[in-house]
């Protein structure tokens, strides 16, 4: 009896603000017959560390996350934090 786990990124979406959403499809096989499957969804913001991220996701991040996108994303987050602080105070 042999078991095999196959994990592939089967969906990648880039949002307007540079956030990347991706889905990993995990399949467990026993003697080449699929016995289980599940999905794991992840997201990455333009300032995320790409260590241990699947290679095809990193490739897209390196294209999409230009310096301008990263600056705009951080500015947007900072603006939202400022608005939250002003509203809470």
PDB file of N, CA and C in Angstrom:
ATOM      1  N   UNK A   1       0.849  -1.174   0.000  1.00  0.00           N
ATOM      2  CA  UNK A   1       0.000   0.000   0.000  1.00  0.00           C
ATOM      3  C   UNK A   1       0.893   1.235   0.000  1.00  0.00           C
ATOM      4  N   UNK A   2       0.702   2.087  -0.996  1.00  0.00           N
ATOM      5  CA  UNK A   2       1.501   3.315  -1.042  1.00  0.00           C
ATOM      6  C   UNK A   2       0.588   4.537  -1.039  1.00  0.00           C
ATOM      7  N   UNK A   3       0.987   5.522  -0.261  1.00  0.00           N
ATOM      8  CA  UNK A   3       0.258   6.786  -0.168  1.00  0.00           C
ATOM      9  C   UNK A   3       1.081   7.882  -0.817  1.00  0.00           C
ATOM     10  N   UNK A   4       0.380   8.814  -1.422  1.00  0.00           N
ATOM     11  CA  UNK A   4       1.043   9.939  -2.075  1.00  0.00           C
ATOM     12  C   UNK A   4       0.210  11.192  -1.826  1.00  0.00           C
ATOM     13  N   UNK A   5       0.879  12.278  -1.461  1.00  0.00           N
ATOM     14  CA  UNK A   5       0.204  13.570  -1.316  1.00  0.00           C
ATOM     15  C   UNK A   5       0.687  14.477  -2.440  1.00  0.00           C
ATOM     16  N   UNK A   6      -0.263  15.036  -3.165  1.00  0.00           N
ATOM     17  CA  UNK A   6       0.053  15.940  -4.265  1.00  0.00           C
ATOM     18  C   UNK A   6      -0.554  17.299  -3.935  1.00  0.00           C
ATOM     19  N   UNK A   7       0.271  18.326  -3.917  1.00  0.00           N
ATOM     20  CA  UNK A   7      -0.192  19.691  -3.643  1.00  0.00           C
ATOM     21  C   UNK A   7       0.140  20.571  -4.833  1.00  0.00           C
ATOM     22  N   UNK A   8      -0.883  21.232  -5.359  1.00  0.00           N
ATOM     23  CA  UNK A   8      -0.678  22.141  -6.484  1.00  0.00           C
ATOM     24  C   UNK A   8      -1.441  23.436  -6.247  1.00  0.00           C
ATOM     25  N   UNK A   9      -0.882  24.524  -6.736  1.00  0.00           N
ATOM     26  CA  UNK A   9      -1.596  25.797  -6.718  1.00  0.00           C
ATOM     27  C   UNK A   9      -2.474  25.781  -7.962  1.00  0.00           C
ATOM     28  N   UNK A  10      -3.787  25.786  -7.747  1.00  0.00           N
ATOM     29  CA  UNK A  10      -4.683  25.675  -8.897  1.00  0.00           C
ATOM     30  C   UNK A  10      -5.485  26.938  -9.163  1.00  0.00           C
ATOM     31  N   UNK A  11      -5.289  27.968  -8.347  1.00  0.00           N
ATOM     32  CA  UNK A  11      -5.983  29.237  -8.553  1.00  0.00           C
ATOM     33  C   UNK A  11      -5.133  30.378  -8.018  1.00  0.00           C
ATOM     34  N   UNK A  12      -4.951  31.412  -8.824  1.00  0.00           N
ATOM     35  CA  UNK A  12      -4.237  32.615  -8.381  1.00  0.00           C
ATOM     36  C   UNK A  12      -5.029  33.816  -8.888  1.00  0.00           C
ATOM     37  N   UNK A  13      -5.335  34.733  -7.971  1.00  0.00           N
ATOM     38  CA  UNK A  13      -6.080  35.940  -8.319  1.00  0.00           C
ATOM     39  C   UNK A  13      -5.319  37.142  -7.770  1.00  0.00           C
ATOM     40  N   UNK A  14      -5.213  38.180  -8.575  1.00  0.00           N
ATOM     41  CA  UNK A  14      -4.583  39.422  -8.134  1.00  0.00           C
ATOM     42  C   UNK A  14      -5.667  40.482  -8.040  1.00  0.00           C
ATOM     43  N   UNK A  15      -5.804  41.074  -6.864  1.00  0.00           N
ATOM     44  CA  UNK A  15      -6.784  42.133  -6.659  1.00  0.00           C
ATOM     45  C   UNK A  15      -6.220  43.480  -7.094  1.00  0.00           C
ATOM     46  N   UNK A  16      -7.088  44.438  -7.271  1.00  0.00           N
ATOM     47  CA  UNK A  16      -6.698  45.764  -7.758  1.00  0.00           C
ATOM     48  C   UNK A  16      -5.634  46.428  -6.889  1.00  0.00           C
ATOM     49  N   UNK A  17      -5.686  46.172  -5.573  1.00  0.00           N
ATOM     50  CA  UNK A  17      -4.723  46.804  -4.661  1.00  0.00           C
ATOM     51  C   UNK A  17      -3.419  46.010  -4.517  1.00  0.00           C
ATOM     52  N   UNK A  18      -3.261  44.953  -5.310  1.00  0.00           N
ATOM     53  CA  UNK A  18      -2.020  44.190  -5.298  1.00  0.00           C
ATOM     54  C   UNK A  18      -2.051  42.943  -4.426  1.00  0.00           C
ATOM     55  N   UNK A  19      -3.107  42.759  -3.651  1.00  0.00           N
ATOM     56  CA  UNK A  19      -3.206  41.541  -2.831  1.00  0.00           C
ATOM     57  C   UNK A  19      -3.347  40.340  -3.759  1.00  0.00           C
ATOM     58  N   UNK A  20      -2.632  39.276  -3.428  1.00  0.00           N
ATOM     59  CA  UNK A  20      -2.679  38.044  -4.211  1.00  0.00           C
ATOM     60  C   UNK A  20      -3.395  36.983  -3.383  1.00  0.00           C
ATOM     61  N   UNK A  21      -4.405  36.371  -3.993  1.00  0.00           N
ATOM     62  CA  UNK A  21      -5.127  35.270  -3.382  1.00  0.00           C
ATOM     63  C   UNK A  21      -4.754  34.010  -4.153  1.00  0.00           C
ATOM     64  N   UNK A  22      -4.470  32.931  -3.419  1.00  0.00           N
ATOM     65  CA  UNK A  22      -4.193  31.681  -4.124  1.00  0.00           C
ATOM     66  C   UNK A  22      -4.738  30.491  -3.347  1.00  0.00           C
ATOM     67  N   UNK A  23      -5.022  29.430  -4.102  1.00  0.00           N
ATOM     68  CA  UNK A  23      -5.598  28.229  -3.515  1.00  0.00           C
ATOM     69  C   UNK A  23      -4.688  27.046  -3.805  1.00  0.00           C
ATOM     70  N   UNK A  24      -4.453  26.261  -2.773  1.00  0.00           N
ATOM     71  CA  UNK A  24      -3.667  25.032  -2.913  1.00  0.00           C
ATOM     72  C   UNK A  24      -4.629  23.853  -2.866  1.00  0.00           C
ATOM     73  N   UNK A  25      -4.528  22.991  -3.853  1.00  0.00           N
ATOM     74  CA  UNK A  25      -5.346  21.787  -3.937  1.00  0.00           C
ATOM     75  C   UNK A  25      -4.487  20.617  -3.444  1.00  0.00           C
ATOM     76  N   UNK A  26      -4.887  20.017  -2.344  1.00  0.00           N
ATOM     77  CA  UNK A  26      -4.166  18.869  -1.773  1.00  0.00           C
ATOM     78  C   UNK A  26      -4.941  17.593  -2.070  1.00  0.00           C
ATOM     79  N   UNK A  27      -4.267  16.641  -2.687  1.00  0.00           N
ATOM     80  CA  UNK A  27      -4.891  15.359  -3.011  1.00  0.00           C
ATOM     81  C   UNK A  27      -4.079  14.248  -2.361  1.00  0.00           C
ATOM     82  N   UNK A  28      -4.769  13.319  -1.709  1.00  0.00           N
ATOM     83  CA  UNK A  28      -4.135  12.131  -1.136  1.00  0.00           C
ATOM     84  C   UNK A  28      -4.543  10.943  -1.997  1.00  0.00           C
ATOM     85  N   UNK A  29      -3.553  10.184  -2.429  1.00  0.00           N
ATOM     86  CA  UNK A  29      -3.816   8.989  -3.234  1.00  0.00           C
ATOM     87  C   UNK A  29      -3.283   7.758  -2.520  1.00  0.00           C
ATOM     88  N   UNK A  30      -4.031   6.687  -2.664  1.00  0.00           N
ATOM     89  CA  UNK A  30      -3.588   5.382  -2.173  1.00  0.00           C
ATOM     90  C   UNK A  30      -3.568   4.455  -3.382  1.00  0.00           C
ATOM     91  N   UNK A  31      -2.391   3.948  -3.694  1.00  0.00           N
ATOM     92  CA  UNK A  31      -2.221   3.091  -4.874  1.00  0.00           C
ATOM     93  C   UNK A  31      -2.809   3.749  -6.126  1.00  0.00           C
ATOM     94  N   UNK A  32      -2.468   5.011  -6.332  1.00  0.00           N
ATOM     95  CA  UNK A  32      -2.891   5.806  -7.489  1.00  0.00           C
ATOM     96  C   UNK A  32      -4.393   6.086  -7.559  1.00  0.00           C
ATOM     97  N   UNK A  33      -5.125   5.837  -6.473  1.00  0.00           N
ATOM     98  CA  UNK A  33      -6.552   6.140  -6.419  1.00  0.00           C
ATOM     99  C   UNK A  33      -6.758   7.280  -5.421  1.00  0.00           C
ATOM    100  N   UNK A  34      -7.431   8.350  -5.880  1.00  0.00           N
ATOM    101  CA  UNK A  34      -7.673   9.487  -4.997  1.00  0.00           C
ATOM    102  C   UNK A  34      -8.619   9.085  -3.868  1.00  0.00           C
ATOM    103  N   UNK A  35      -8.165   9.307  -2.620  1.00  0.00           N
ATOM    104  CA  UNK A  35      -9.012   8.952  -1.472  1.00  0.00           C
ATOM    105  C   UNK A  35      -9.419  10.178  -0.659  1.00  0.00           C
ATOM    106  N   UNK A  36      -8.762  11.309  -0.880  1.00  0.00           N
ATOM    107  CA  UNK A  36      -9.119  12.529  -0.150  1.00  0.00           C
ATOM    108  C   UNK A  36      -8.620  13.742  -0.921  1.00  0.00           C
ATOM    109  N   UNK A  37      -9.336  14.861  -0.695  1.00  0.00           N
ATOM    110  CA  UNK A  37      -8.943  16.119  -1.325  1.00  0.00           C
ATOM    111  C   UNK A  37      -9.396  17.258  -0.421  1.00  0.00           C
ATOM    112  N   UNK A  38      -8.573  18.297  -0.329  1.00  0.00           N
ATOM    113  CA  UNK A  38      -8.990  19.512   0.359  1.00  0.00           C
ATOM    114  C   UNK A  38      -8.298  20.713  -0.259  1.00  0.00           C
ATOM    115  N   UNK A  39      -8.864  21.880   0.031  1.00  0.00           N
ATOM    116  CA  UNK A  39      -8.321  23.127  -0.479  1.00  0.00           C
ATOM    117  C   UNK A  39      -7.870  23.995   0.687  1.00  0.00           C
ATOM    118  N   UNK A  40      -6.779  24.712   0.470  1.00  0.00           N
ATOM    119  CA  UNK A  40      -6.291  25.681   1.444  1.00  0.00           C
ATOM    120  C   UNK A  40      -6.142  26.999   0.708  1.00  0.00           C
ATOM    121  N   UNK A  41      -6.792  28.031   1.233  1.00  0.00           N
ATOM    122  CA  UNK A  41      -6.722  29.355   0.608  1.00  0.00           C
ATOM    123  C   UNK A  41      -5.784  30.245   1.407  1.00  0.00           C
ATOM    124  N   UNK A  42      -5.028  31.055   0.681  1.00  0.00           N
ATOM    125  CA  UNK A  42      -4.060  31.964   1.299  1.00  0.00           C
ATOM    126  C   UNK A  42      -4.123  33.316   0.614  1.00  0.00           C
ATOM    127  N   UNK A  43      -3.647  34.332   1.319  1.00  0.00           N
ATOM    128  CA  UNK A  43      -3.552  35.659   0.714  1.00  0.00           C
ATOM    129  C   UNK A  43      -2.221  36.290   1.093  1.00  0.00           C
ATOM    130  N   UNK A  44      -1.746  37.142   0.211  1.00  0.00           N
ATOM    131  CA  UNK A  44      -0.485  37.846   0.421  1.00  0.00           C
ATOM    132  C   UNK A  44      -0.682  39.324   0.096  1.00  0.00           C
ATOM    133  N   UNK A  45      -0.250  40.180   0.990  1.00  0.00           N
ATOM    134  CA  UNK A  45      -0.287  41.612   0.712  1.00  0.00           C
ATOM    135  C   UNK A  45       1.042  42.011   0.068  1.00  0.00           C
ATOM    136  N   UNK A  46       1.061  43.149  -0.623  1.00  0.00           N
ATOM    137  CA  UNK A  46       2.270  43.562  -1.330  1.00  0.00           C
ATOM    138  C   UNK A  46       3.512  43.746  -0.459  1.00  0.00           C
ATOM    139  N   UNK A  47       3.377  43.720   0.850  1.00  0.00           N
ATOM    140  CA  UNK A  47       4.568  43.817   1.701  1.00  0.00           C
ATOM    141  C   UNK A  47       4.899  42.485   2.377  1.00  0.00           C
ATOM    142  N   UNK A  48       4.338  41.383   1.870  1.00  0.00           N
ATOM    143  CA  UNK A  48       4.536  40.059   2.475  1.00  0.00           C
ATOM    144  C   UNK A  48       5.920  39.475   2.185  1.00  0.00           C
ATOM    145  N   UNK A  49       6.374  38.661   3.116  1.00  0.00           N
ATOM    146  CA  UNK A  49       7.591  37.873   2.933  1.00  0.00           C
ATOM    147  C   UNK A  49       7.232  36.684   2.043  1.00  0.00           C
ATOM    148  N   UNK A  50       8.006  36.424   1.031  1.00  0.00           N
ATOM    149  CA  UNK A  50       7.703  35.354   0.084  1.00  0.00           C
ATOM    150  C   UNK A  50       8.440  34.055   0.376  1.00  0.00           C
ATOM    151  N   UNK A  51       9.049  33.964   1.548  1.00  0.00           N
ATOM    152  CA  UNK A  51       9.733  32.737   1.946  1.00  0.00           C
ATOM    153  C   UNK A  51       8.706  31.612   2.068  1.00  0.00           C
ATOM    154  N   UNK A  52       9.011  30.464   1.519  1.00  0.00           N
ATOM    155  CA  UNK A  52       8.170  29.261   1.569  1.00  0.00           C
ATOM    156  C   UNK A  52       6.841  29.393   0.810  1.00  0.00           C
ATOM    157  N   UNK A  53       6.743  30.358  -0.072  1.00  0.00           N
ATOM    158  CA  UNK A  53       5.557  30.526  -0.915  1.00  0.00           C
ATOM    159  C   UNK A  53       5.809  29.768  -2.221  1.00  0.00           C
ATOM    160  N   UNK A  54       4.791  29.106  -2.777  1.00  0.00           N
ATOM    161  CA  UNK A  54       4.980  28.360  -4.030  1.00  0.00           C
ATOM    162  C   UNK A  54       5.593  29.232  -5.135  1.00  0.00           C
ATOM    163  N   UNK A  55       6.456  28.625  -5.920  1.00  0.00           N
ATOM    164  CA  UNK A  55       7.228  29.350  -6.936  1.00  0.00           C
ATOM    165  C   UNK A  55       6.361  30.108  -7.931  1.00  0.00           C
ATOM    166  N   UNK A  56       5.258  29.523  -8.379  1.00  0.00           N
ATOM    167  CA  UNK A  56       4.431  30.228  -9.365  1.00  0.00           C
ATOM    168  C   UNK A  56       3.743  31.453  -8.758  1.00  0.00           C
ATOM    169  N   UNK A  57       3.456  31.425  -7.475  1.00  0.00           N
ATOM    170  CA  UNK A  57       2.888  32.589  -6.794  1.00  0.00           C
ATOM    171  C   UNK A  57       3.961  33.671  -6.650  1.00  0.00           C
ATOM    172  N   UNK A  58       5.169  33.275  -6.306  1.00  0.00           N
ATOM    173  CA  UNK A  58       6.283  34.226  -6.175  1.00  0.00           C
ATOM    174  C   UNK A  58       6.553  34.912  -7.514  1.00  0.00           C
ATOM    175  N   UNK A  59       6.509  34.157  -8.591  1.00  0.00           N
ATOM    176  CA  UNK A  59       6.728  34.734  -9.924  1.00  0.00           C
ATOM    177  C   UNK A  59       5.720  35.834 -10.213  1.00  0.00           C
ATOM    178  N   UNK A  60       4.466  35.574  -9.896  1.00  0.00           N
ATOM    179  CA  UNK A  60       3.433  36.589 -10.124  1.00  0.00           C
ATOM    180  C   UNK A  60       3.638  37.784  -9.205  1.00  0.00           C
ATOM    181  N   UNK A  61       3.950  37.539  -7.945  1.00  0.00           N
ATOM    182  CA  UNK A  61       4.191  38.635  -7.000  1.00  0.00           C
ATOM    183  C   UNK A  61       5.333  39.525  -7.487  1.00  0.00           C
ATOM    184  N   UNK A  62       6.385  38.920  -7.998  1.00  0.00           N
ATOM    185  CA  UNK A  62       7.536  39.701  -8.467  1.00  0.00           C
ATOM    186  C   UNK A  62       7.190  40.576  -9.668  1.00  0.00           C
ATOM    187  N   UNK A  63       6.202  40.181 -10.438  1.00  0.00           N
ATOM    188  CA  UNK A  63       5.763  40.990 -11.579  1.00  0.00           C
ATOM    189  C   UNK A  63       4.785  42.077 -11.130  1.00  0.00           C
ATOM    190  N   UNK A  64       3.838  41.699 -10.283  1.00  0.00           N
ATOM    191  CA  UNK A  64       2.761  42.601  -9.885  1.00  0.00           C
ATOM    192  C   UNK A  64       3.220  43.640  -8.865  1.00  0.00           C
ATOM    193  N   UNK A  65       4.053  43.238  -7.927  1.00  0.00           N
ATOM    194  CA  UNK A  65       4.438  44.129  -6.831  1.00  0.00           C
ATOM    195  C   UNK A  65       5.571  45.066  -7.232  1.00  0.00           C
ATOM    196  N   UNK A  66       5.241  45.997  -8.073  1.00  0.00           N
ATOM    197  CA  UNK A  66       6.209  47.030  -8.440  1.00  0.00           C
ATOM    198  C   UNK A  66       6.396  47.949  -7.231  1.00  0.00           C
ATOM    199  N   UNK A  67       7.469  48.732  -7.206  1.00  0.00           N
ATOM    200  CA  UNK A  67       7.646  49.680  -6.102  1.00  0.00           C
ATOM    201  C   UNK A  67       6.434  50.601  -5.937  1.00  0.00           C
ATOM    202  N   UNK A  68       5.817  50.993  -7.043  1.00  0.00           N
ATOM    203  CA  UNK A  68       4.642  51.878  -6.981  1.00  0.00           C
ATOM    204  C   UNK A  68       3.451  51.185  -6.303  1.00  0.00           C
ATOM    205  N   UNK A  69       3.249  49.913  -6.617  1.00  0.00           N
ATOM    206  CA  UNK A  69       2.142  49.157  -6.006  1.00  0.00           C
ATOM    207  C   UNK A  69       2.362  49.011  -4.508  1.00  0.00           C
ATOM    208  N   UNK A  70       3.587  48.728  -4.112  1.00  0.00           N
ATOM    209  CA  UNK A  70       3.905  48.555  -2.687  1.00  0.00           C
ATOM    210  C   UNK A  70       3.691  49.866  -1.932  1.00  0.00           C
ATOM    211  N   UNK A  71       4.168  50.976  -2.494  1.00  0.00           N
ATOM    212  CA  UNK A  71       3.994  52.289  -1.852  1.00  0.00           C
ATOM    213  C   UNK A  71       2.512  52.629  -1.744  1.00  0.00           C
ATOM    214  N   UNK A  72       1.755  52.409  -2.805  1.00  0.00           N
ATOM    215  CA  UNK A  72       0.316  52.714  -2.786  1.00  0.00           C
ATOM    216  C   UNK A  72      -0.415  51.845  -1.769  1.00  0.00           C
ATOM    217  N   UNK A  73      -0.049  50.578  -1.678  1.00  0.00           N
ATOM    218  CA  UNK A  73      -0.689  49.678  -0.714  1.00  0.00           C
ATOM    219  C   UNK A  73      -0.418  50.143   0.714  1.00  0.00           C
ATOM    220  N   UNK A  74       0.837  50.447   1.005  1.00  0.00           N
ATOM    221  CA  UNK A  74       1.195  50.892   2.358  1.00  0.00           C
ATOM    222  C   UNK A  74       0.532  52.227   2.694  1.00  0.00           C
ATOM    223  N   UNK A  75       0.439  53.123   1.723  1.00  0.00           N
ATOM    224  CA  UNK A  75      -0.212  54.414   1.950  1.00  0.00           C
ATOM    225  C   UNK A  75      -1.702  54.213   2.248  1.00  0.00           C
ATOM    226  N   UNK A  76      -2.325  53.294   1.538  1.00  0.00           N
ATOM    227  CA  UNK A  76      -3.738  53.003   1.754  1.00  0.00           C
ATOM    228  C   UNK A  76      -3.967  52.437   3.153  1.00  0.00           C
ATOM    229  N   UNK A  77      -3.101  51.538   3.586  1.00  0.00           N
ATOM    230  CA  UNK A  77      -3.208  50.963   4.937  1.00  0.00           C
ATOM    231  C   UNK A  77      -3.012  52.063   5.978  1.00  0.00           C
ATOM    232  N   UNK A  78      -2.014  52.907   5.763  1.00  0.00           N
ATOM    233  CA  UNK A  78      -1.741  53.994   6.704  1.00  0.00           C
ATOM    234  C   UNK A  78      -2.935  54.950   6.790  1.00  0.00           C
ATOM    235  N   UNK A  79      -3.539  55.238   5.655  1.00  0.00           N
ATOM    236  CA  UNK A  79      -4.711  56.121   5.633  1.00  0.00           C
ATOM    237  C   UNK A  79      -5.867  55.504   6.419  1.00  0.00           C
ATOM    238  N   UNK A  80      -6.096  54.215   6.229  1.00  0.00           N
ATOM    239  CA  UNK A  80      -7.169  53.540   6.967  1.00  0.00           C
ATOM    240  C   UNK A  80      -6.889  53.527   8.464  1.00  0.00           C
ATOM    241  N   UNK A  81      -5.629  53.326   8.834  1.00  0.00           N
ATOM    242  CA  UNK A  81      -5.272  53.360  10.255  1.00  0.00           C
ATOM    243  C   UNK A  81      -5.489  54.755  10.832  1.00  0.00           C
ATOM    244  N   UNK A  82      -5.135  55.768  10.091  1.00  0.00           N
ATOM    245  CA  UNK A  82      -5.330  57.152  10.542  1.00  0.00           C
ATOM    246  C   UNK A  82      -6.806  57.461  10.726  1.00  0.00           C
ATOM    247  N   UNK A  83      -7.640  57.020   9.807  1.00  0.00           N
ATOM    248  CA  UNK A  83      -9.079  57.237   9.900  1.00  0.00           C
ATOM    249  C   UNK A  83      -9.663  56.505  11.106  1.00  0.00           C
ATOM    250  N   UNK A  84      -9.164  55.313  11.367  1.00  0.00           N
ATOM    251  CA  UNK A  84      -9.636  54.538  12.512  1.00  0.00           C
ATOM    252  C   UNK A  84      -9.253  55.239  13.816  1.00  0.00           C
ATOM    253  N   UNK A  85      -8.039  55.759  13.866  1.00  0.00           N
ATOM    254  CA  UNK A  85      -7.564  56.470  15.071  1.00  0.00           C
ATOM    255  C   UNK A  85      -8.387  57.727  15.289  1.00  0.00           C
ATOM    256  N   UNK A  86      -8.668  58.493  14.224  1.00  0.00           N
ATOM    257  CA  UNK A  86      -9.460  59.715  14.347  1.00  0.00           C
ATOM    258  C   UNK A  86     -10.895  59.390  14.772  1.00  0.00           C
ATOM    259  N   UNK A  87     -11.449  58.318  14.263  1.00  0.00           N
ATOM    260  CA  UNK A  87     -12.813  57.948  14.598  1.00  0.00           C
ATOM    261  C   UNK A  87     -12.919  57.432  16.034  1.00  0.00           C
ATOM    262  N   UNK A  88     -11.900  56.690  16.456  1.00  0.00           N
ATOM    263  CA  UNK A  88     -11.904  56.115  17.812  1.00  0.00           C
ATOM    264  C   UNK A  88     -11.651  57.191  18.881  1.00  0.00           C
ATOM    265  N   UNK A  89     -10.938  58.246  18.522  1.00  0.00           N
ATOM    266  CA  UNK A  89     -10.539  59.272  19.493  1.00  0.00           C
ATOM    267  C   UNK A  89     -11.559  60.263  19.719  1.00  0.00           C
TER     268      UNK A  89
END
